[in-house]
Amino acid sequence: MAYHGVLIPEAIYAKDVDAYIRSAVSTTTAVDNGNIVKLTTRSAVAGEGEVFLAIAPSTGNGLTGLWMVYSGDEIVVTDARYKGLDPDPRNFFVPISTSTERHVFSVYKPALGDIILLSADALAGSYVALSTTHISATDTTGGIHLLWDTQLRTAVLCYKLLAVKYISLATGAIDDQREVAYEFECVSL
């Protein structure tokens, strides 16, 4: 089973500044917690006056000024009819919105100094101890995942690795699981 990313915002500027939290909708790609998106214009769909259109970032539309997908409620969509029945946050995702089915999700604007915890499923590439020290925005992996990197990138959204940790997950099974996660600090926007 393919899992989706888990994001835990440990200390983020957006918790105290409402302007750094928005609602978005994507008509081009499904998104998970911890994915990055570029916000364009406000939605023209009736009833979505405060909702922004989200696209995958790329070198063509910019790898700066990005927003991170985060639904703090962890409402897991099990299919089109049932929500919230799955206790495993790794199963959370937001499907692509269509003209008949809209899926609005929350995003926040990363700020320098933000500290977050991301599961391995939220990242592209592979972690190599003592080598991969950062994650950064790129469009080589479909754009929405931060990619493991060996250096600080100053012209794009970039986070520095602080520690390798674990997230304890209540999966609904008799045993609880621990998922490898990485603690990061935002060092470039």
N, C-alpha and C. Protein backbone atom coordinates (compact mmCIF):
# COMPACT_ATOMS: atom_id res chain seq x y z
N MET A 1 0.83 -1.18 0.00
CA MET A 1 0.00 0.00 0.00
C MET A 1 0.88 1.24 0.00
N ALA A 2 0.58 2.15 -0.89
CA ALA A 2 1.33 3.41 -0.94
C ALA A 2 0.74 4.39 0.07
N TYR A 3 1.61 4.91 0.91
CA TYR A 3 1.16 5.87 1.90
C TYR A 3 1.42 7.28 1.41
N HIS A 4 0.74 8.23 2.03
CA HIS A 4 0.89 9.64 1.72
C HIS A 4 1.65 10.29 2.87
N GLY A 5 2.15 11.50 2.62
CA GLY A 5 2.97 12.19 3.60
C GLY A 5 2.22 12.63 4.84
N VAL A 6 2.96 12.68 5.94
CA VAL A 6 2.45 13.20 7.20
C VAL A 6 3.30 14.42 7.55
N LEU A 7 2.64 15.52 7.88
CA LEU A 7 3.31 16.76 8.27
C LEU A 7 2.85 17.14 9.67
N ILE A 8 3.82 17.43 10.53
CA ILE A 8 3.53 17.95 11.86
C ILE A 8 4.25 19.28 11.97
N PRO A 9 3.50 20.38 12.01
CA PRO A 9 4.15 21.69 12.17
C PRO A 9 4.52 21.91 13.63
N GLU A 10 5.79 21.79 13.95
CA GLU A 10 6.22 21.90 15.34
C GLU A 10 6.23 23.34 15.82
N ALA A 11 6.75 24.24 15.00
CA ALA A 11 6.77 25.67 15.34
C ALA A 11 6.77 26.44 14.03
N ILE A 12 5.59 26.90 13.62
CA ILE A 12 5.51 27.63 12.36
C ILE A 12 4.89 29.00 12.58
N TYR A 13 5.37 29.95 11.85
CA TYR A 13 4.90 31.33 11.92
C TYR A 13 3.41 31.42 11.61
N ALA A 14 2.92 30.59 10.70
CA ALA A 14 1.52 30.64 10.27
C ALA A 14 0.53 30.33 11.40
N LYS A 15 0.97 29.71 12.47
CA LYS A 15 0.07 29.43 13.60
C LYS A 15 -0.43 30.71 14.25
N ASP A 16 0.35 31.79 14.12
CA ASP A 16 0.01 33.06 14.77
C ASP A 16 -0.40 34.15 13.80
N VAL A 17 -0.32 33.91 12.50
CA VAL A 17 -0.64 34.94 11.52
C VAL A 17 -1.63 34.37 10.50
N ASP A 18 -2.89 34.81 10.61
CA ASP A 18 -3.94 34.28 9.74
C ASP A 18 -3.67 34.51 8.25
N ALA A 19 -2.96 35.57 7.90
CA ALA A 19 -2.69 35.87 6.50
C ALA A 19 -1.81 34.80 5.85
N TYR A 20 -1.15 33.97 6.68
CA TYR A 20 -0.28 32.93 6.16
C TYR A 20 -0.99 31.59 6.03
N ILE A 21 -2.32 31.60 6.18
CA ILE A 21 -3.12 30.39 6.02
C ILE A 21 -4.21 30.69 5.00
N ARG A 22 -4.34 29.82 4.00
CA ARG A 22 -5.36 30.03 2.96
C ARG A 22 -6.02 28.70 2.61
N SER A 23 -7.10 28.82 1.88
CA SER A 23 -7.79 27.66 1.32
C SER A 23 -7.45 27.59 -0.16
N ALA A 24 -7.28 26.38 -0.67
CA ALA A 24 -6.88 26.22 -2.07
C ALA A 24 -7.61 25.03 -2.68
N VAL A 25 -7.56 24.96 -3.99
CA VAL A 25 -8.13 23.85 -4.75
C VAL A 25 -7.18 23.57 -5.91
N SER A 26 -7.02 22.31 -6.25
CA SER A 26 -6.14 21.93 -7.37
C SER A 26 -6.93 21.15 -8.41
N THR A 27 -6.85 21.62 -9.64
CA THR A 27 -7.53 20.93 -10.74
C THR A 27 -6.54 20.16 -11.60
N THR A 28 -5.28 20.12 -11.18
CA THR A 28 -4.26 19.46 -11.99
C THR A 28 -3.57 18.28 -11.31
N THR A 29 -3.56 18.25 -9.98
CA THR A 29 -2.87 17.17 -9.29
C THR A 29 -3.49 16.91 -7.92
N ALA A 30 -3.45 15.66 -7.47
CA ALA A 30 -3.85 15.33 -6.12
C ALA A 30 -2.72 15.75 -5.19
N VAL A 31 -3.04 16.14 -3.95
CA VAL A 31 -2.01 16.60 -3.02
C VAL A 31 -2.14 15.91 -1.67
N ASP A 32 -1.03 15.88 -0.94
CA ASP A 32 -0.95 15.30 0.41
C ASP A 32 -0.41 16.37 1.35
N ASN A 33 -0.53 16.12 2.64
CA ASN A 33 0.12 16.99 3.61
C ASN A 33 1.62 16.98 3.34
N GLY A 34 2.23 18.17 3.42
CA GLY A 34 3.66 18.29 3.19
C GLY A 34 4.03 18.59 1.74
N ASN A 35 3.07 18.51 0.82
CA ASN A 35 3.34 18.88 -0.57
C ASN A 35 3.42 20.40 -0.68
N ILE A 36 4.11 20.88 -1.69
CA ILE A 36 4.22 22.31 -1.92
C ILE A 36 3.47 22.68 -3.19
N VAL A 37 2.85 23.85 -3.17
CA VAL A 37 2.09 24.33 -4.32
C VAL A 37 2.36 25.81 -4.52
N LYS A 38 2.06 26.26 -5.72
CA LYS A 38 2.12 27.68 -6.08
C LYS A 38 0.68 28.14 -6.18
N LEU A 39 0.31 29.21 -5.49
CA LEU A 39 -1.04 29.75 -5.59
C LEU A 39 -1.08 30.77 -6.72
N THR A 40 -2.13 30.69 -7.52
CA THR A 40 -2.26 31.63 -8.64
C THR A 40 -3.36 32.64 -8.30
N THR A 41 -4.48 32.56 -8.94
CA THR A 41 -5.58 33.49 -8.73
C THR A 41 -6.64 32.87 -7.84
N ARG A 42 -7.61 33.67 -7.48
CA ARG A 42 -8.75 33.13 -6.73
C ARG A 42 -9.64 32.33 -7.67
N SER A 43 -10.31 31.35 -7.11
CA SER A 43 -11.22 30.50 -7.88
C SER A 43 -12.40 31.33 -8.39
N ALA A 44 -12.83 31.03 -9.60
CA ALA A 44 -13.99 31.70 -10.19
C ALA A 44 -15.28 30.92 -9.97
N VAL A 45 -15.19 29.78 -9.28
CA VAL A 45 -16.35 28.94 -9.03
C VAL A 45 -17.21 29.57 -7.94
N ALA A 46 -18.52 29.57 -8.14
CA ALA A 46 -19.45 30.13 -7.16
C ALA A 46 -19.27 29.45 -5.81
N GLY A 47 -19.22 30.25 -4.74
CA GLY A 47 -19.05 29.73 -3.40
C GLY A 47 -17.60 29.56 -2.98
N GLU A 48 -16.66 29.86 -3.87
CA GLU A 48 -15.24 29.71 -3.58
C GLU A 48 -14.51 31.05 -3.65
N GLY A 49 -15.14 32.09 -3.16
CA GLY A 49 -14.57 33.43 -3.23
C GLY A 49 -13.26 33.60 -2.49
N GLU A 50 -13.04 32.81 -1.45
CA GLU A 50 -11.81 32.90 -0.65
C GLU A 50 -10.85 31.75 -0.95
N VAL A 51 -11.09 31.01 -2.02
CA VAL A 51 -10.29 29.84 -2.37
C VAL A 51 -9.36 30.19 -3.53
N PHE A 52 -8.08 29.83 -3.39
CA PHE A 52 -7.09 30.10 -4.42
C PHE A 52 -6.83 28.85 -5.26
N LEU A 53 -6.48 29.04 -6.52
CA LEU A 53 -6.11 27.92 -7.38
C LEU A 53 -4.65 27.56 -7.10
N ALA A 54 -4.38 26.27 -6.93
CA ALA A 54 -3.04 25.78 -6.63
C ALA A 54 -2.53 24.95 -7.81
N ILE A 55 -1.27 25.17 -8.16
CA ILE A 55 -0.61 24.40 -9.22
C ILE A 55 0.73 23.90 -8.70
N ALA A 56 1.28 22.91 -9.39
CA ALA A 56 2.60 22.41 -9.03
C ALA A 56 3.64 23.47 -9.40
N PRO A 57 4.57 23.76 -8.49
CA PRO A 57 5.61 24.73 -8.82
C PRO A 57 6.59 24.16 -9.83
N SER A 58 7.19 25.04 -10.60
CA SER A 58 8.19 24.62 -11.59
C SER A 58 9.14 25.79 -11.83
N THR A 59 10.22 25.53 -12.55
CA THR A 59 11.13 26.62 -12.87
C THR A 59 10.43 27.64 -13.77
N GLY A 60 9.41 27.19 -14.51
CA GLY A 60 8.67 28.10 -15.39
C GLY A 60 7.79 29.07 -14.63
N ASN A 61 7.19 28.64 -13.52
CA ASN A 61 6.31 29.54 -12.76
C ASN A 61 6.89 29.94 -11.41
N GLY A 62 8.08 29.49 -11.11
CA GLY A 62 8.77 29.92 -9.90
C GLY A 62 8.81 28.88 -8.80
N LEU A 63 9.95 28.74 -8.16
CA LEU A 63 10.14 27.82 -7.04
C LEU A 63 10.27 28.58 -5.72
N THR A 64 9.85 29.85 -5.73
CA THR A 64 9.81 30.66 -4.51
C THR A 64 8.38 31.13 -4.30
N GLY A 65 8.09 31.65 -3.11
CA GLY A 65 6.74 32.10 -2.80
C GLY A 65 5.75 30.95 -2.75
N LEU A 66 6.22 29.79 -2.31
CA LEU A 66 5.39 28.58 -2.32
C LEU A 66 4.60 28.43 -1.01
N TRP A 67 3.60 27.59 -1.06
CA TRP A 67 2.74 27.28 0.08
C TRP A 67 2.80 25.79 0.33
N MET A 68 2.61 25.37 1.58
CA MET A 68 2.66 23.96 1.94
C MET A 68 1.27 23.46 2.33
N VAL A 69 0.91 22.30 1.79
CA VAL A 69 -0.38 21.70 2.09
C VAL A 69 -0.37 21.16 3.51
N TYR A 70 -1.39 21.56 4.28
CA TYR A 70 -1.50 21.04 5.64
C TYR A 70 -2.95 21.11 6.10
N SER A 71 -3.52 19.95 6.32
CA SER A 71 -4.85 19.88 6.90
C SER A 71 -4.68 19.37 8.32
N GLY A 72 -4.80 20.25 9.27
CA GLY A 72 -4.59 19.89 10.67
C GLY A 72 -5.61 18.92 11.21
N ASP A 73 -6.75 18.81 10.55
CA ASP A 73 -7.79 17.92 11.04
C ASP A 73 -7.51 16.46 10.71
N GLU A 74 -6.62 16.21 9.74
CA GLU A 74 -6.31 14.85 9.31
C GLU A 74 -7.58 14.07 8.98
N ILE A 75 -8.50 14.69 8.27
CA ILE A 75 -9.72 14.00 7.85
C ILE A 75 -9.35 13.13 6.66
N VAL A 76 -9.33 11.86 6.86
CA VAL A 76 -8.92 10.93 5.81
C VAL A 76 -10.11 10.59 4.93
N VAL A 77 -9.93 10.76 3.63
CA VAL A 77 -10.98 10.43 2.67
C VAL A 77 -10.82 8.98 2.28
N THR A 78 -11.78 8.13 2.66
CA THR A 78 -11.68 6.71 2.33
C THR A 78 -12.31 6.41 0.98
N ASP A 79 -13.29 7.15 0.57
CA ASP A 79 -13.81 7.15 -0.79
C ASP A 79 -14.70 8.38 -0.91
N ALA A 80 -15.44 8.52 -1.98
CA ALA A 80 -16.20 9.74 -2.23
C ALA A 80 -17.30 9.98 -1.20
N ARG A 81 -17.73 8.95 -0.46
CA ARG A 81 -18.85 9.10 0.46
C ARG A 81 -18.46 9.18 1.92
N TYR A 82 -17.31 8.65 2.30
CA TYR A 82 -16.98 8.52 3.71
C TYR A 82 -15.72 9.32 4.05
N LYS A 83 -15.80 10.10 5.12
CA LYS A 83 -14.65 10.86 5.58
C LYS A 83 -14.45 10.63 7.06
N GLY A 84 -13.19 10.59 7.48
CA GLY A 84 -12.88 10.50 8.89
C GLY A 84 -12.97 9.12 9.50
N LEU A 85 -13.10 8.07 8.69
CA LEU A 85 -13.25 6.73 9.24
C LEU A 85 -11.92 6.00 9.38
N ASP A 86 -10.87 6.54 8.84
CA ASP A 86 -9.56 5.91 8.86
C ASP A 86 -8.66 6.67 9.83
N PRO A 87 -8.19 6.05 10.91
CA PRO A 87 -7.37 6.77 11.89
C PRO A 87 -5.92 6.97 11.45
N ASP A 88 -5.49 6.41 10.34
CA ASP A 88 -4.11 6.50 9.89
C ASP A 88 -3.90 7.76 9.05
N PRO A 89 -3.14 8.76 9.54
CA PRO A 89 -2.95 10.00 8.79
C PRO A 89 -2.17 9.82 7.49
N ARG A 90 -1.50 8.68 7.32
CA ARG A 90 -0.77 8.42 6.08
C ARG A 90 -1.71 8.17 4.91
N ASN A 91 -2.98 7.93 5.20
CA ASN A 91 -3.96 7.70 4.14
C ASN A 91 -4.67 8.98 3.72
N PHE A 92 -4.29 10.13 4.30
CA PHE A 92 -4.91 11.40 3.94
C PHE A 92 -4.40 11.87 2.58
N PHE A 93 -5.29 12.30 1.73
CA PHE A 93 -4.92 12.95 0.48
C PHE A 93 -6.10 13.79 0.02
N VAL A 94 -5.83 14.70 -0.91
CA VAL A 94 -6.88 15.53 -1.49
C VAL A 94 -6.92 15.20 -2.98
N PRO A 95 -8.04 14.65 -3.46
CA PRO A 95 -8.15 14.31 -4.87
C PRO A 95 -8.16 15.56 -5.76
N ILE A 96 -7.93 15.35 -7.04
CA ILE A 96 -8.01 16.43 -8.02
C ILE A 96 -9.45 16.93 -8.07
N SER A 97 -9.62 18.24 -8.09
CA SER A 97 -10.96 18.83 -8.20
C SER A 97 -11.40 18.86 -9.65
N THR A 98 -12.66 18.64 -9.86
CA THR A 98 -13.26 18.72 -11.20
C THR A 98 -14.34 19.79 -11.16
N SER A 99 -15.00 19.99 -12.29
CA SER A 99 -16.06 21.00 -12.33
C SER A 99 -17.27 20.57 -11.50
N THR A 100 -17.43 19.27 -11.28
CA THR A 100 -18.58 18.79 -10.51
C THR A 100 -18.24 18.40 -9.08
N GLU A 101 -16.98 18.08 -8.80
CA GLU A 101 -16.55 17.70 -7.46
C GLU A 101 -15.38 18.57 -7.04
N ARG A 102 -15.59 19.42 -6.03
CA ARG A 102 -14.55 20.33 -5.57
C ARG A 102 -13.97 19.82 -4.25
N HIS A 103 -12.66 19.87 -4.12
CA HIS A 103 -11.97 19.42 -2.92
C HIS A 103 -11.07 20.55 -2.42
N VAL A 104 -11.57 21.31 -1.49
CA VAL A 104 -10.83 22.45 -0.94
C VAL A 104 -9.95 21.96 0.20
N PHE A 105 -8.73 22.44 0.25
CA PHE A 105 -7.78 22.05 1.29
C PHE A 105 -7.07 23.28 1.84
N SER A 106 -6.40 23.12 2.96
CA SER A 106 -5.68 24.22 3.60
C SER A 106 -4.21 24.21 3.20
N VAL A 107 -3.65 25.42 3.09
CA VAL A 107 -2.22 25.58 2.85
C VAL A 107 -1.70 26.67 3.79
N TYR A 108 -0.41 26.62 4.08
CA TYR A 108 0.19 27.70 4.86
C TYR A 108 1.47 28.14 4.17
N LYS A 109 1.84 29.40 4.42
CA LYS A 109 3.04 29.98 3.81
C LYS A 109 4.23 29.72 4.73
N PRO A 110 5.22 28.96 4.26
CA PRO A 110 6.42 28.75 5.08
C PRO A 110 7.14 30.08 5.34
N ALA A 111 7.78 30.17 6.49
CA ALA A 111 8.56 31.35 6.87
C ALA A 111 9.92 30.89 7.38
N LEU A 112 10.91 31.75 7.23
CA LEU A 112 12.24 31.43 7.73
C LEU A 112 12.16 31.09 9.22
N GLY A 113 12.81 30.02 9.61
CA GLY A 113 12.82 29.59 11.00
C GLY A 113 11.73 28.59 11.36
N ASP A 114 10.74 28.38 10.47
CA ASP A 114 9.71 27.37 10.74
C ASP A 114 10.37 26.02 10.99
N ILE A 115 9.84 25.27 11.95
CA ILE A 115 10.33 23.92 12.22
C ILE A 115 9.17 22.95 12.00
N ILE A 116 9.41 21.97 11.12
CA ILE A 116 8.38 21.00 10.77
C ILE A 116 8.94 19.58 10.87
N LEU A 117 8.03 18.64 10.98
CA LEU A 117 8.38 17.22 10.99
C LEU A 117 7.65 16.58 9.81
N LEU A 118 8.39 15.94 8.90
CA LEU A 118 7.81 15.31 7.72
C LEU A 118 8.14 13.83 7.69
N SER A 119 7.15 13.02 7.32
CA SER A 119 7.42 11.59 7.16
C SER A 119 8.19 11.37 5.87
N ALA A 120 8.85 10.24 5.77
CA ALA A 120 9.62 9.92 4.57
C ALA A 120 8.75 9.90 3.32
N ASP A 121 7.47 9.52 3.46
CA ASP A 121 6.56 9.45 2.32
C ASP A 121 6.27 10.82 1.72
N ALA A 122 6.52 11.89 2.47
CA ALA A 122 6.24 13.24 1.99
C ALA A 122 7.37 13.79 1.12
N LEU A 123 8.48 13.07 1.06
CA LEU A 123 9.67 13.57 0.38
C LEU A 123 10.02 12.75 -0.86
N ALA A 124 10.67 13.40 -1.81
CA ALA A 124 11.16 12.71 -3.01
C ALA A 124 12.65 12.45 -2.83
N GLY A 125 13.12 11.41 -3.49
CA GLY A 125 14.52 11.04 -3.37
C GLY A 125 14.74 10.19 -2.14
N SER A 126 16.01 10.01 -1.79
CA SER A 126 16.35 9.15 -0.66
C SER A 126 17.25 9.87 0.32
N TYR A 127 17.05 9.59 1.60
CA TYR A 127 17.90 10.12 2.64
C TYR A 127 19.17 9.27 2.73
N VAL A 128 20.31 9.93 2.74
CA VAL A 128 21.60 9.27 2.93
C VAL A 128 22.28 9.98 4.10
N ALA A 129 22.48 9.25 5.20
CA ALA A 129 23.08 9.85 6.39
C ALA A 129 24.39 10.55 6.07
N LEU A 130 24.57 11.72 6.63
CA LEU A 130 25.77 12.56 6.48
C LEU A 130 25.94 13.14 5.08
N SER A 131 25.05 12.84 4.16
CA SER A 131 25.17 13.37 2.80
C SER A 131 24.01 14.30 2.46
N THR A 132 22.80 13.81 2.64
CA THR A 132 21.64 14.63 2.35
C THR A 132 21.29 15.44 3.59
N THR A 133 21.55 16.73 3.51
CA THR A 133 21.39 17.60 4.67
C THR A 133 20.27 18.61 4.51
N HIS A 134 19.65 18.67 3.35
CA HIS A 134 18.60 19.64 3.07
C HIS A 134 17.51 19.00 2.21
N ILE A 135 16.36 19.67 2.12
CA ILE A 135 15.34 19.35 1.13
C ILE A 135 14.98 20.66 0.44
N SER A 136 14.71 20.60 -0.85
CA SER A 136 14.42 21.83 -1.57
C SER A 136 13.39 21.62 -2.66
N ALA A 137 12.79 22.72 -3.08
CA ALA A 137 11.79 22.69 -4.15
C ALA A 137 12.49 22.47 -5.49
N THR A 138 11.88 21.65 -6.31
CA THR A 138 12.39 21.38 -7.65
C THR A 138 11.23 20.96 -8.53
N ASP A 139 11.39 21.03 -9.82
CA ASP A 139 10.31 20.55 -10.69
C ASP A 139 10.70 19.24 -11.38
N THR A 140 11.79 18.62 -10.92
CA THR A 140 12.20 17.36 -11.54
C THR A 140 11.42 16.17 -11.01
N THR A 141 10.63 16.35 -9.95
CA THR A 141 9.88 15.23 -9.37
C THR A 141 8.37 15.49 -9.42
N GLY A 142 7.93 16.22 -10.40
CA GLY A 142 6.52 16.55 -10.48
C GLY A 142 6.19 17.82 -9.71
N GLY A 143 7.18 18.38 -9.04
CA GLY A 143 7.03 19.68 -8.43
C GLY A 143 6.43 19.76 -7.05
N ILE A 144 5.56 18.84 -6.66
CA ILE A 144 4.85 19.03 -5.39
C ILE A 144 5.59 18.45 -4.18
N HIS A 145 6.61 17.64 -4.40
CA HIS A 145 7.38 17.07 -3.29
C HIS A 145 8.70 17.81 -3.14
N LEU A 146 9.10 18.04 -1.90
CA LEU A 146 10.44 18.56 -1.65
C LEU A 146 11.41 17.41 -1.86
N LEU A 147 12.55 17.71 -2.46
CA LEU A 147 13.54 16.69 -2.85
C LEU A 147 14.75 16.74 -1.93
N TRP A 148 15.21 15.56 -1.50
CA TRP A 148 16.43 15.49 -0.70
C TRP A 148 17.57 16.14 -1.48
N ASP A 149 18.41 16.90 -0.78
CA ASP A 149 19.47 17.66 -1.42
C ASP A 149 20.73 17.59 -0.56
N THR A 150 21.87 17.81 -1.17
CA THR A 150 23.14 17.75 -0.45
C THR A 150 23.65 19.12 -0.03
N GLN A 151 22.89 20.17 -0.38
CA GLN A 151 23.37 21.52 -0.05
C GLN A 151 22.21 22.50 0.11
N LEU A 152 22.53 23.65 0.70
CA LEU A 152 21.58 24.73 0.84
C LEU A 152 21.34 25.35 -0.53
N ARG A 153 20.10 25.54 -0.88
CA ARG A 153 19.72 26.24 -2.12
C ARG A 153 19.09 27.56 -1.69
N THR A 154 19.62 28.67 -2.16
CA THR A 154 19.14 29.97 -1.71
C THR A 154 18.11 30.59 -2.64
N ALA A 155 17.95 30.09 -3.84
CA ALA A 155 17.01 30.69 -4.80
C ALA A 155 15.67 29.96 -4.83
N VAL A 156 15.46 29.01 -3.93
CA VAL A 156 14.22 28.23 -3.89
C VAL A 156 13.83 27.97 -2.43
N LEU A 157 12.64 27.44 -2.21
CA LEU A 157 12.23 27.01 -0.87
C LEU A 157 13.15 25.87 -0.45
N CYS A 158 13.79 26.02 0.71
CA CYS A 158 14.75 25.02 1.17
C CYS A 158 14.69 24.88 2.69
N TYR A 159 14.80 23.65 3.16
CA TYR A 159 14.81 23.33 4.59
C TYR A 159 16.10 22.60 4.93
N LYS A 160 16.63 22.86 6.14
CA LYS A 160 17.82 22.18 6.64
C LYS A 160 17.38 21.07 7.58
N LEU A 161 17.99 19.89 7.45
CA LEU A 161 17.71 18.76 8.33
C LEU A 161 18.25 19.04 9.73
N LEU A 162 17.38 18.88 10.73
CA LEU A 162 17.80 19.05 12.12
C LEU A 162 18.00 17.72 12.82
N ALA A 163 17.08 16.76 12.57
CA ALA A 163 17.16 15.48 13.28
C ALA A 163 16.31 14.43 12.58
N VAL A 164 16.71 13.17 12.77
CA VAL A 164 15.90 12.03 12.33
C VAL A 164 15.09 11.60 13.55
N LYS A 165 13.77 11.52 13.38
CA LYS A 165 12.89 11.19 14.50
C LYS A 165 11.89 10.12 14.06
N TYR A 166 10.88 9.94 14.89
CA TYR A 166 9.80 9.01 14.57
C TYR A 166 8.46 9.66 14.88
N ILE A 167 7.44 9.26 14.14
CA ILE A 167 6.07 9.65 14.41
C ILE A 167 5.34 8.39 14.84
N SER A 168 4.67 8.46 15.97
CA SER A 168 3.86 7.32 16.42
C SER A 168 2.49 7.43 15.77
N LEU A 169 2.05 6.35 15.16
CA LEU A 169 0.79 6.34 14.43
C LEU A 169 -0.19 5.36 15.05
N ALA A 170 -1.40 5.81 15.24
CA ALA A 170 -2.47 4.91 15.66
C ALA A 170 -3.16 4.47 14.37
N THR A 171 -2.90 3.27 13.95
CA THR A 171 -3.40 2.81 12.66
C THR A 171 -4.75 2.13 12.75
N GLY A 172 -5.26 1.94 13.94
CA GLY A 172 -6.52 1.24 14.09
C GLY A 172 -6.31 -0.24 14.31
N ALA A 173 -5.13 -0.73 14.06
CA ALA A 173 -4.79 -2.14 14.32
C ALA A 173 -4.46 -2.28 15.80
N ILE A 174 -4.25 -3.49 16.23
CA ILE A 174 -3.94 -3.73 17.64
C ILE A 174 -2.60 -3.11 18.01
N ASP A 175 -1.65 -3.12 17.09
CA ASP A 175 -0.35 -2.53 17.39
C ASP A 175 -0.25 -1.13 16.80
N ASP A 176 0.41 -0.24 17.51
CA ASP A 176 0.69 1.09 16.98
C ASP A 176 2.01 1.00 16.22
N GLN A 177 2.18 1.89 15.26
CA GLN A 177 3.39 1.86 14.44
C GLN A 177 4.18 3.14 14.62
N ARG A 178 5.47 3.02 14.36
CA ARG A 178 6.35 4.18 14.35
C ARG A 178 6.84 4.37 12.93
N GLU A 179 6.71 5.58 12.45
CA GLU A 179 7.10 5.94 11.10
C GLU A 179 8.33 6.85 11.17
N VAL A 180 9.34 6.58 10.34
CA VAL A 180 10.51 7.45 10.28
C VAL A 180 10.08 8.82 9.80
N ALA A 181 10.58 9.85 10.47
CA ALA A 181 10.26 11.23 10.10
C ALA A 181 11.52 12.08 10.27
N TYR A 182 11.50 13.23 9.65
CA TYR A 182 12.66 14.10 9.65
C TYR A 182 12.24 15.50 10.11
N GLU A 183 13.02 16.06 11.02
CA GLU A 183 12.75 17.41 11.50
C GLU A 183 13.58 18.39 10.69
N PHE A 184 12.92 19.46 10.21
CA PHE A 184 13.57 20.45 9.34
C PHE A 184 13.32 21.86 9.84
N GLU A 185 14.25 22.76 9.47
CA GLU A 185 14.08 24.18 9.69
C GLU A 185 14.13 24.89 8.34
N CYS A 186 13.19 25.80 8.10
CA CYS A 186 13.16 26.55 6.84
C CYS A 186 14.31 27.55 6.83
N VAL A 187 15.18 27.45 5.80
CA VAL A 187 16.36 28.30 5.74
C VAL A 187 16.40 29.18 4.48
N SER A 188 15.49 28.95 3.54
CA SER A 188 15.44 29.76 2.32
C SER A 188 14.03 29.72 1.75
N LEU A 189 13.61 30.87 1.25
CA LEU A 189 12.28 30.97 0.65
C LEU A 189 12.42 31.27 -0.82
